[in-house]
Protein backbone atom coordinates (compact mmCIF):
# COMPACT_ATOMS: atom_id res chain seq x y z
CA MET A 1 22.96 92.41 241.71
CA ALA A 2 26.56 92.35 243.31
CA GLU A 3 27.00 93.43 246.84
CA ASP A 4 29.16 96.32 247.68
CA LEU A 5 31.89 95.65 250.51
CA VAL A 6 33.46 97.82 252.80
CA LEU A 7 37.04 96.55 253.17
CA ASP A 8 38.63 97.03 256.65
CA THR A 9 41.84 98.97 256.73
CA ALA A 10 43.28 96.05 258.79
CA ILE A 11 42.93 93.73 255.97
CA ARG A 12 45.20 96.36 253.89
CA ASP A 13 47.82 96.57 256.65
CA TRP A 14 48.11 92.83 257.68
CA VAL A 15 47.15 91.03 254.40
CA LEU A 16 47.44 93.14 251.25
CA ILE A 17 50.88 95.11 251.90
CA PRO A 18 52.44 92.15 253.70
CA LEU A 19 51.70 89.61 250.93
CA SER A 20 53.04 92.06 248.53
CA VAL A 21 56.28 92.74 250.41
CA VAL A 22 56.80 89.13 250.93
CA MET A 23 56.41 88.37 247.28
CA VAL A 24 59.09 90.96 246.35
CA LEU A 25 61.56 89.78 248.91
CA ILE A 26 60.99 86.13 248.10
CA GLY A 27 61.83 87.05 244.45
CA ILE A 28 65.03 88.92 245.22
CA LEU A 29 66.03 85.95 247.41
CA ARG A 30 65.37 83.60 244.73
CA HIS A 31 67.52 85.61 242.17
CA PHE A 32 70.51 85.45 244.39
CA VAL A 33 70.11 81.97 245.60
CA SER A 34 69.89 80.86 241.90
CA LYS A 35 73.04 82.94 241.12
CA LEU A 36 74.84 81.11 243.99
CA MET A 37 73.62 77.66 242.71
CA ARG A 38 74.57 78.36 239.15
CA SER A 39 77.56 76.48 237.94
CA SER A 40 80.19 78.44 235.64
CA GLN A 41 79.97 77.08 232.02
CA VAL A 42 82.10 77.54 229.22
CA PRO A 43 80.56 78.87 226.12
CA ASP A 44 80.29 76.41 223.44
CA ALA A 45 82.29 77.48 220.44
CA LYS A 46 79.98 75.73 217.91
CA ILE A 47 76.99 77.21 219.24
CA ILE A 48 78.54 80.78 219.17
CA LYS A 49 79.89 80.01 215.59
CA GLU A 50 76.22 79.05 214.21
CA GLY A 51 74.79 82.20 215.72
CA GLN A 52 77.47 84.61 214.10
CA LEU A 53 76.54 82.64 210.76
CA ILE A 54 72.89 83.67 211.35
CA VAL A 55 73.52 87.22 211.93
CA ARG A 56 75.59 87.48 208.89
CA ALA A 57 73.24 85.77 206.58
CA ARG A 58 70.45 88.02 207.88
CA ASN A 59 72.84 90.98 207.18
CA LEU A 60 73.24 89.75 203.75
CA ARG A 61 69.31 89.34 203.27
CA SER A 62 68.68 92.55 204.52
CA GLY A 63 71.37 94.40 202.56
CA ALA A 64 71.03 92.35 199.28
CA ASN A 65 69.79 95.33 197.22
CA PHE A 66 72.83 97.36 197.99
CA ILE A 67 75.52 94.98 196.44
CA PRO A 68 75.74 94.14 192.66
CA PRO A 69 74.12 90.90 191.57
CA ARG A 70 77.08 89.10 190.99
CA SER A 71 78.34 89.85 194.30
CA PHE A 72 75.13 88.67 195.94
CA ARG A 73 75.04 85.39 193.95
CA ALA A 74 78.43 84.61 195.18
CA ARG A 75 77.83 85.11 198.82
CA ARG A 76 74.50 83.33 198.73
CA PHE A 77 76.43 80.46 197.14
CA TYR A 78 79.03 80.43 199.97
CA PHE A 79 76.33 80.27 202.58
CA SER A 80 73.74 78.00 201.12
CA ASN A 81 75.39 75.56 198.54
CA GLU A 82 74.43 72.05 199.07
CA GLU A 83 78.06 70.72 199.02
CA ASN A 84 79.86 72.88 201.60
CA GLY A 85 77.98 75.80 202.64
CA LEU A 86 78.03 77.33 205.91
CA LEU A 87 74.19 77.20 206.48
CA HIS A 88 73.95 73.64 205.01
CA VAL A 89 73.75 70.93 207.63
CA PRO A 90 73.51 67.25 206.22
CA LYS A 91 70.78 65.22 207.38
CA GLY A 92 72.85 62.56 209.46
CA GLN A 93 75.18 65.07 210.96
CA ALA A 94 72.57 66.94 213.12
CA PRO A 95 73.10 66.47 216.40
CA ASN A 96 70.36 65.13 218.93
CA PRO A 97 70.02 67.99 221.70
CA GLN A 98 68.47 65.46 224.15
CA ALA A 99 71.19 63.11 223.84
CA GLN A 100 73.81 65.79 224.38
CA MET A 101 71.83 66.76 227.56
CA PHE A 102 71.97 63.55 229.09
CA SER A 103 75.46 62.94 228.13
CA ASP A 104 76.53 66.14 230.07
CA PRO A 105 75.63 65.89 233.77
CA ASN A 106 76.41 69.53 234.46
CA MET A 107 73.72 70.42 232.12
CA ALA A 108 71.13 68.06 233.77
CA MET A 109 72.21 69.32 237.16
CA ASP A 110 71.79 72.98 236.23
CA MET A 111 68.26 72.39 235.09
CA MET A 112 67.52 70.54 238.09
CA LYS A 113 68.56 73.41 240.26
CA LYS A 114 66.62 76.02 238.31
CA ASN A 115 63.56 73.76 238.69
CA LEU A 116 64.21 73.45 242.30
CA SER A 117 64.69 77.07 242.92
CA MET A 118 61.40 77.90 241.02
CA ILE A 119 59.13 75.23 242.34
CA ILE A 120 60.00 75.20 246.10
CA PRO A 121 59.68 78.86 246.91
CA GLN A 122 56.22 78.87 244.99
CA THR A 123 54.99 76.07 246.66
CA LEU A 124 55.78 77.07 250.31
CA THR A 125 54.63 80.69 249.59
CA PHE A 126 51.36 79.40 248.14
CA ALA A 127 50.98 77.19 251.09
CA TRP A 128 51.54 79.98 253.50
CA VAL A 129 49.32 82.30 251.57
CA ASN A 130 46.61 79.31 251.76
CA PHE A 131 46.99 78.65 255.31
CA PHE A 132 47.09 82.24 256.85
CA PHE A 133 45.13 84.41 254.22
CA SER A 134 42.50 82.00 252.50
CA GLY A 135 38.98 83.82 252.32
CA PHE A 136 40.15 87.29 252.54
CA VAL A 137 38.87 89.99 250.10
CA ALA A 138 42.08 91.75 249.77
CA ALA A 139 41.50 94.72 247.27
CA LYS A 140 38.96 96.08 244.63
CA ILE A 141 39.91 97.06 241.21
CA PRO A 142 38.71 100.54 240.40
CA PHE A 143 37.02 99.81 237.34
CA PRO A 144 34.14 97.29 236.51
CA LEU A 145 34.91 93.90 234.88
CA THR A 146 32.89 91.16 233.11
CA GLN A 147 31.96 87.77 234.70
CA ARG A 148 34.79 86.10 232.83
CA PHE A 149 37.41 87.54 235.31
CA ARG A 150 35.66 86.19 238.38
CA SER A 151 37.50 82.87 238.39
CA MET A 152 40.82 84.76 237.99
CA LEU A 153 40.46 87.46 240.74
CA GLN A 154 37.99 85.41 243.22
CA ASN A 155 39.86 82.23 243.54
CA GLY A 156 39.03 80.94 247.14
CA ILE A 157 35.83 82.91 247.32
CA ASP A 158 32.60 80.76 246.29
CA LEU A 159 30.20 83.76 246.50
CA SER A 160 28.46 84.83 243.09
CA THR A 161 26.92 87.71 244.85
CA VAL A 162 30.13 89.61 245.51
CA ASP A 163 31.18 92.26 242.49
CA VAL A 164 33.79 90.97 240.16
CA SER A 165 36.11 93.79 240.87
CA TYR A 166 37.05 92.50 244.17
CA VAL A 167 40.20 90.45 244.32
CA SER A 168 40.72 87.51 247.00
CA SER A 169 43.93 87.24 248.75
CA ARG A 170 44.63 83.85 246.87
CA SER A 171 44.36 85.62 243.47
CA TRP A 172 46.27 88.69 244.71
CA TYR A 173 48.92 86.06 245.48
CA PHE A 174 48.77 84.92 241.60
CA LEU A 175 48.73 88.33 240.38
CA ASN A 176 51.99 89.24 242.24
CA LEU A 177 53.48 86.02 240.98
CA PHE A 178 53.18 86.71 237.40
CA GLY A 179 53.00 90.62 237.56
CA LEU A 180 56.11 91.56 239.18
CA ARG A 181 58.51 91.02 236.20
CA GLY A 182 58.63 94.70 235.39
CA LEU A 183 59.64 95.59 238.93
CA PHE A 184 62.23 92.92 239.05
CA SER A 185 63.72 93.87 235.94
CA LEU A 186 64.05 97.34 237.49
CA ILE A 187 65.35 96.18 240.68
CA LEU A 188 67.50 93.17 239.54
CA GLY A 189 68.10 93.89 235.84
CA GLU A 190 66.61 92.30 232.50
CA ASP A 191 68.68 89.11 232.88
CA ASN A 192 67.24 87.93 236.34
CA ALA A 193 66.44 84.61 237.51
CA THR A 194 63.04 85.48 238.75
CA ASP A 195 61.28 85.24 235.46
CA ASP A 196 59.03 82.10 235.92
CA THR A 197 57.28 82.37 232.31
CA GLN A 198 60.63 82.44 230.51
CA ARG A 199 61.67 79.26 232.40
CA MET A 200 58.41 77.61 231.65
CA MET A 201 59.11 78.30 228.12
CA GLN A 202 62.69 76.89 228.23
CA MET A 203 61.19 73.68 229.87
CA SER A 204 58.50 73.39 227.37
CA GLY A 205 61.21 74.04 224.72
CA PHE A 206 63.03 71.00 225.64
CA GLY A 207 64.70 69.09 223.07
CA PHE A 208 64.96 72.09 220.68
CA ASP A 209 67.44 71.68 217.91
CA PRO A 210 69.63 74.85 217.47
CA THR A 211 70.54 73.58 213.99
CA LYS A 212 67.11 74.03 212.48
CA SER A 213 67.78 77.64 212.65
CA LEU A 214 70.59 77.22 210.06
CA GLY A 215 68.27 75.63 207.76
CA ALA A 216 65.38 78.03 208.09
CA GLU A 217 67.89 80.66 207.38
CA LYS A 218 69.09 78.93 204.37
CA ASP A 219 65.61 78.56 203.03
CA SER A 220 65.07 82.53 203.65
CA LEU A 221 68.20 83.09 201.85
CA ASP A 222 67.50 81.04 198.92
CA ILE A 223 64.21 82.72 197.94
CA VAL A 224 65.61 86.29 198.27
CA GLN A 225 64.85 88.01 195.01
CA HIS A 226 67.61 90.39 194.33
CA ASP A 227 66.99 93.78 192.92
CA TRP A 228 70.18 96.21 192.61
CA ALA A 229 69.14 99.64 193.89
CA LEU A 230 72.01 101.67 192.66
CA PRO A 231 71.12 101.96 188.94
CA LYS A 232 67.63 103.58 190.27
CA PHE A 233 69.33 106.04 192.59
CA GLU A 234 70.13 108.31 189.32
CA GLN A 235 66.40 108.18 188.47
CA ARG A 236 65.40 108.96 191.74
CA ALA A 237 67.56 112.12 192.14
CA GLU A 238 66.58 113.19 188.78
CA ALA A 239 62.95 112.97 189.82
CA VAL A 240 63.70 114.63 192.84
CA LEU A 241 65.45 117.67 190.98
CA ARG A 242 62.63 118.06 188.54
CA LYS A 243 60.17 118.36 191.36
CA VAL A 244 62.54 121.17 193.21
CA LEU A 245 63.03 123.07 189.89
CA SER A 246 59.52 122.98 188.76
């Protein structure tokens, strides 16, 4: 049976609260340091044009049934014909994003700055937590949990007799690391530099080809089945009037 522990208030005052405050302050500091290290970039006109084309094609798909069939076919041909359609990208003309990145030193330098601003503070903070607060039981979750949460909540404590609801100081660090995104969004705004999960997704998506979205939108537009809704409005209005008058 799991043992019930009595947590000293000194652990709350000298471990739990300082660790949380330091994590928040480090996140705010990282945000402003990242803004200082960020170089000003001129938006690529080609990327903006492709994004506007995708938005226009999506609007055409969503409102296809509110225009006549002839108008829809003309617009779809304008976007997706194989000769000079706006959404058609020839196979040999698709750019290689990896080659573009290595050819642009500013892009590679910005990625390196972002990675350093993420890795260095996390490494130093984890070393600080592991050195000063290792082995502390910092908090207790006020509801029962299964044994599957033991490895996540009791990192650094190798005692199977301790109840799963107790949280170690090292696990509290990881919970703050990935759980403060909402607080940072309220303090720093949605587009802040402290979202590590977004950066990891960007790093894992290295080499993403933006021209593939044009081909995907072209395929989605080609399979749209047009059904003009205007001739049916009279029938619907007549049915509604019949229900009202009956």
